[in-house]
Structure formats: C-alpha cells, structure tokens
Amino acid sequence: EVQLVESGGGLVQAGGSLRLSCAASGFTFDDYCIGWFRQAPGKEREGVSCINSSEGSTYYADSVKGRFTISSDYAKNTVYLQMNSLKHEDTAVYYCAVSAADITTFGAAPEYVISWGQGAQVTVSS
C-alpha cells in the first residue's frame, strides 16, 4: 500500500521561505515521478514540481521556476520542496503526489496520480 506523509507548510510573509517534506512508503521510489500539486480556493489543482530520481530529471511549473527546488533523499524515501521568494499567489493547499506520468506531462495529468498525500496548507501574507 502506497503511503505518503506530508509535513511542513505554514504561514509566512511574502519573500519568505518554507520547506515541504513527503515521506513515502509502499512502492519503488525509482519507478515514479514524485512531487506536488497545489490547489487554491476556487481554482483547479495544478502541478507544481516533481522529480524522477532514476532519471535525475525534474519538472517545475513556469510560475515557480527559479524559486522552488525539489530534491529527494533515497535513504529516507523522502522528497523535499524548498520554496523561496514566496508570493501571495503561492497560497494554496499543497498535495504530495506519486504519479505514473512522464515528467514532461506531470503538471497537466493529475489523472495519472496513484496516491495523494493529506495536503499541507501554505499561506503567504502580502
């Protein structure tokens, strides 16, 4: 059984930083793209970032490029999302996701997600 446990998130002022963590179990880390989607009130869920550890490749939405960095720790089966220079528009619930999608289609293909985390609220005050 795939299990994802998220931590991190919280309230931060614009320009600040937060880090999300996603501890995964129950599947082979290398076989999937692991990352985050986010959903703001009244908006559709959007892909933010993912990492395919076996390929060493990453995906970032245009809106977060240059500000967010995704990484993985094999020993801990954990993926991290470091979020810097946060903006008010980054406010959303962030969901860790294990996706069977190719890294190039991750952001547009939530239907390929095989497991979701419980969600972590990120609030950026302006």
C-alpha atoms as a PDB file:
ATOM      1  CA  GLU A   1       0.000   0.000   0.000  1.00  0.00           C
ATOM      2  CA  VAL A   2       1.354   3.385  -1.020  1.00  0.00           C
ATOM      3  CA  GLN A   3       1.537   5.812   1.881  1.00  0.00           C
ATOM      4  CA  LEU A   4       2.542   9.463   1.787  1.00  0.00           C
ATOM      5  CA  VAL A   5       3.043  11.575   4.883  1.00  0.00           C
ATOM      6  CA  GLU A   6       3.475  15.297   4.360  1.00  0.00           C
ATOM      7  CA  SER A   7       4.982  17.809   6.719  1.00  0.00           C
ATOM      8  CA  GLY A   8       5.943  21.444   6.552  1.00  0.00           C
ATOM      9  CA  GLY A   9       3.862  24.311   5.295  1.00  0.00           C
ATOM     10  CA  GLY A  10       2.507  27.111   7.441  1.00  0.00           C
ATOM     11  CA  LEU A  11       2.210  30.883   7.383  1.00  0.00           C
ATOM     12  CA  VAL A  12       4.965  33.104   6.033  1.00  0.00           C
ATOM     13  CA  GLN A  13       5.323  36.663   4.807  1.00  0.00           C
ATOM     14  CA  ALA A  14       5.854  37.378   1.133  1.00  0.00           C
ATOM     15  CA  GLY A  15       9.500  36.921   0.245  1.00  0.00           C
ATOM     16  CA  GLY A  16       9.960  34.244   2.872  1.00  0.00           C
ATOM     17  CA  SER A  17      10.725  30.531   2.608  1.00  0.00           C
ATOM     18  CA  LEU A  18       9.145  27.234   3.572  1.00  0.00           C
ATOM     19  CA  ARG A  19      10.035  23.603   3.032  1.00  0.00           C
ATOM     20  CA  LEU A  20       7.625  20.752   2.416  1.00  0.00           C
ATOM     21  CA  SER A  21       8.525  17.117   3.019  1.00  0.00           C
ATOM     22  CA  CYS A  22       6.853  13.977   1.730  1.00  0.00           C
ATOM     23  CA  ALA A  23       7.833  10.650   3.285  1.00  0.00           C
ATOM     24  CA  ALA A  24       6.843   7.770   1.032  1.00  0.00           C
ATOM     25  CA  SER A  25       6.470   4.028   1.503  1.00  0.00           C
ATOM     26  CA  GLY A  26       4.908   1.025  -0.174  1.00  0.00           C
ATOM     27  CA  PHE A  27       6.330   1.434  -3.674  1.00  0.00           C
ATOM     28  CA  THR A  28       9.583   1.551  -5.580  1.00  0.00           C
ATOM     29  CA  PHE A  29      10.844   5.101  -5.436  1.00  0.00           C
ATOM     30  CA  ASP A  30      12.542   4.970  -8.829  1.00  0.00           C
ATOM     31  CA  ASP A  31       9.511   3.958 -10.853  1.00  0.00           C
ATOM     32  CA  TYR A  32       7.510   7.147 -10.472  1.00  0.00           C
ATOM     33  CA  CYS A  33       7.580  10.902 -10.600  1.00  0.00           C
ATOM     34  CA  ILE A  34       7.070  12.185  -7.062  1.00  0.00           C
ATOM     35  CA  GLY A  35       6.147  15.756  -6.368  1.00  0.00           C
ATOM     36  CA  TRP A  36       3.425  18.244  -5.544  1.00  0.00           C
ATOM     37  CA  PHE A  37       0.228  19.640  -6.885  1.00  0.00           C
ATOM     38  CA  ARG A  38      -1.422  22.633  -5.309  1.00  0.00           C
ATOM     39  CA  GLN A  39      -4.955  23.944  -5.161  1.00  0.00           C
ATOM     40  CA  ALA A  40      -6.029  27.430  -4.217  1.00  0.00           C
ATOM     41  CA  PRO A  41      -9.631  28.278  -3.302  1.00  0.00           C
ATOM     42  CA  GLY A  42     -11.776  28.444  -6.414  1.00  0.00           C
ATOM     43  CA  LYS A  43      -9.003  27.234  -8.692  1.00  0.00           C
ATOM     44  CA  GLU A  44      -8.148  23.942 -10.328  1.00  0.00           C
ATOM     45  CA  ARG A  45      -5.429  21.719  -8.966  1.00  0.00           C
ATOM     46  CA  GLU A  46      -2.130  22.433 -10.741  1.00  0.00           C
ATOM     47  CA  GLY A  47       1.133  20.555 -10.935  1.00  0.00           C
ATOM     48  CA  VAL A  48       3.950  22.411  -9.197  1.00  0.00           C
ATOM     49  CA  SER A  49       7.010  20.188  -9.344  1.00  0.00           C
ATOM     50  CA  CYS A  50       8.125  16.575  -9.483  1.00  0.00           C
ATOM     51  CA  ILE A  51      11.300  14.551  -9.509  1.00  0.00           C
ATOM     52  CA  ASN A  52      12.115  11.288 -11.231  1.00  0.00           C
ATOM     53  CA  SER A  53      15.029  10.056  -9.191  1.00  0.00           C
ATOM     54  CA  SER A  54      16.049   7.229 -11.529  1.00  0.00           C
ATOM     55  CA  GLU A  55      16.378   9.645 -14.456  1.00  0.00           C
ATOM     56  CA  GLY A  56      17.681  12.532 -12.416  1.00  0.00           C
ATOM     57  CA  SER A  57      15.093  14.771 -14.031  1.00  0.00           C
ATOM     58  CA  THR A  58      12.791  17.393 -12.581  1.00  0.00           C
ATOM     59  CA  TYR A  59       9.713  19.346 -13.579  1.00  0.00           C
ATOM     60  CA  TYR A  60       8.718  22.830 -12.464  1.00  0.00           C
ATOM     61  CA  ALA A  61       5.668  24.839 -13.347  1.00  0.00           C
ATOM     62  CA  ASP A  62       6.568  28.134 -15.021  1.00  0.00           C
ATOM     63  CA  SER A  63       5.098  30.011 -12.065  1.00  0.00           C
ATOM     64  CA  VAL A  64       7.663  28.558  -9.635  1.00  0.00           C
ATOM     65  CA  LYS A  65      10.799  28.188 -11.763  1.00  0.00           C
ATOM     66  CA  GLY A  66      13.800  29.806 -10.152  1.00  0.00           C
ATOM     67  CA  ARG A  67      12.086  29.960  -6.752  1.00  0.00           C
ATOM     68  CA  PHE A  68      11.261  26.350  -5.842  1.00  0.00           C
ATOM     69  CA  THR A  69      13.703  23.429  -5.712  1.00  0.00           C
ATOM     70  CA  ILE A  70      12.731  19.766  -5.459  1.00  0.00           C
ATOM     71  CA  SER A  71      15.081  17.097  -4.148  1.00  0.00           C
ATOM     72  CA  SER A  72      14.983  13.539  -2.904  1.00  0.00           C
ATOM     73  CA  ASP A  73      16.701  11.524  -0.204  1.00  0.00           C
ATOM     74  CA  TYR A  74      16.832   7.833  -1.052  1.00  0.00           C
ATOM     75  CA  ALA A  75      17.922   6.773   2.403  1.00  0.00           C
ATOM     76  CA  LYS A  76      14.827   8.361   3.917  1.00  0.00           C
ATOM     77  CA  ASN A  77      12.464   7.726   0.987  1.00  0.00           C
ATOM     78  CA  THR A  78      11.591  11.383   1.257  1.00  0.00           C
ATOM     79  CA  VAL A  79      11.094  14.155  -1.264  1.00  0.00           C
ATOM     80  CA  TYR A  80      11.500  17.823  -0.342  1.00  0.00           C
ATOM     81  CA  LEU A  81      10.218  21.019  -1.899  1.00  0.00           C
ATOM     82  CA  GLN A  82      12.175  24.088  -0.894  1.00  0.00           C
ATOM     83  CA  MET A  83      10.094  27.174  -1.600  1.00  0.00           C
ATOM     84  CA  ASN A  84      11.884  30.520  -1.636  1.00  0.00           C
ATOM     85  CA  SER A  85      10.789  34.046  -2.520  1.00  0.00           C
ATOM     86  CA  LEU A  86       7.212  33.076  -1.784  1.00  0.00           C
ATOM     87  CA  LYS A  87       4.433  35.198  -3.216  1.00  0.00           C
ATOM     88  CA  HIS A  88       0.849  35.702  -2.097  1.00  0.00           C
ATOM     89  CA  GLU A  89      -0.293  33.764  -5.174  1.00  0.00           C
ATOM     90  CA  ASP A  90       1.574  30.693  -3.897  1.00  0.00           C
ATOM     91  CA  THR A  91      -1.061  30.386  -1.172  1.00  0.00           C
ATOM     92  CA  ALA A  92      -2.739  27.008  -1.566  1.00  0.00           C
ATOM     93  CA  VAL A  93      -3.039  23.505  -0.171  1.00  0.00           C
ATOM     94  CA  TYR A  94      -0.055  21.532  -1.438  1.00  0.00           C
ATOM     95  CA  TYR A  95      -0.584  17.826  -2.065  1.00  0.00           C
ATOM     96  CA  CYS A  96       2.252  15.369  -2.353  1.00  0.00           C
ATOM     97  CA  ALA A  97       1.657  13.020  -5.269  1.00  0.00           C
ATOM     98  CA  VAL A  98       3.070   9.838  -6.735  1.00  0.00           C
ATOM     99  CA  SER A  99       2.496   9.925 -10.474  1.00  0.00           C
ATOM    100  CA  ALA A 100       2.857   7.390 -13.251  1.00  0.00           C
ATOM    101  CA  ALA A 101       3.014  10.220 -15.774  1.00  0.00           C
ATOM    102  CA  ASP A 102       6.106  11.085 -17.732  1.00  0.00           C
ATOM    103  CA  ILE A 103       7.918  14.033 -16.230  1.00  0.00           C
ATOM    104  CA  THR A 104       7.026  16.207 -19.215  1.00  0.00           C
ATOM    105  CA  THR A 105       3.300  15.671 -18.653  1.00  0.00           C
ATOM    106  CA  PHE A 106       3.189  15.536 -14.853  1.00  0.00           C
ATOM    107  CA  GLY A 107       1.750  19.008 -14.393  1.00  0.00           C
ATOM    108  CA  ALA A 108      -1.126  18.515 -16.797  1.00  0.00           C
ATOM    109  CA  ALA A 109      -2.019  14.972 -15.845  1.00  0.00           C
ATOM    110  CA  PRO A 110      -3.425  14.621 -12.333  1.00  0.00           C
ATOM    111  CA  GLU A 111      -5.302  11.551 -13.587  1.00  0.00           C
ATOM    112  CA  TYR A 112      -2.005   9.640 -13.540  1.00  0.00           C
ATOM    113  CA  VAL A 113      -1.516  10.172  -9.815  1.00  0.00           C
ATOM    114  CA  ILE A 114      -1.720   6.845  -7.997  1.00  0.00           C
ATOM    115  CA  SER A 115      -1.581   8.241  -4.476  1.00  0.00           C
ATOM    116  CA  TRP A 116      -2.093  11.624  -2.791  1.00  0.00           C
ATOM    117  CA  GLY A 117      -0.765  12.990   0.466  1.00  0.00           C
ATOM    118  CA  GLN A 118      -3.079  14.508   3.054  1.00  0.00           C
ATOM    119  CA  GLY A 119      -2.260  18.071   1.981  1.00  0.00           C
ATOM    120  CA  ALA A 120      -0.346  20.898   3.647  1.00  0.00           C
ATOM    121  CA  GLN A 121      -1.605  24.459   3.861  1.00  0.00           C
ATOM    122  CA  VAL A 122       0.809  27.135   2.684  1.00  0.00           C
ATOM    123  CA  THR A 123      -0.299  30.689   3.356  1.00  0.00           C
ATOM    124  CA  VAL A 124       1.742  33.647   2.169  1.00  0.00           C
ATOM    125  CA  SER A 125       0.732  37.019   3.558  1.00  0.00           C
ATOM    126  CA  SER A 126       1.270  40.042   1.373  1.00  0.00           C
END
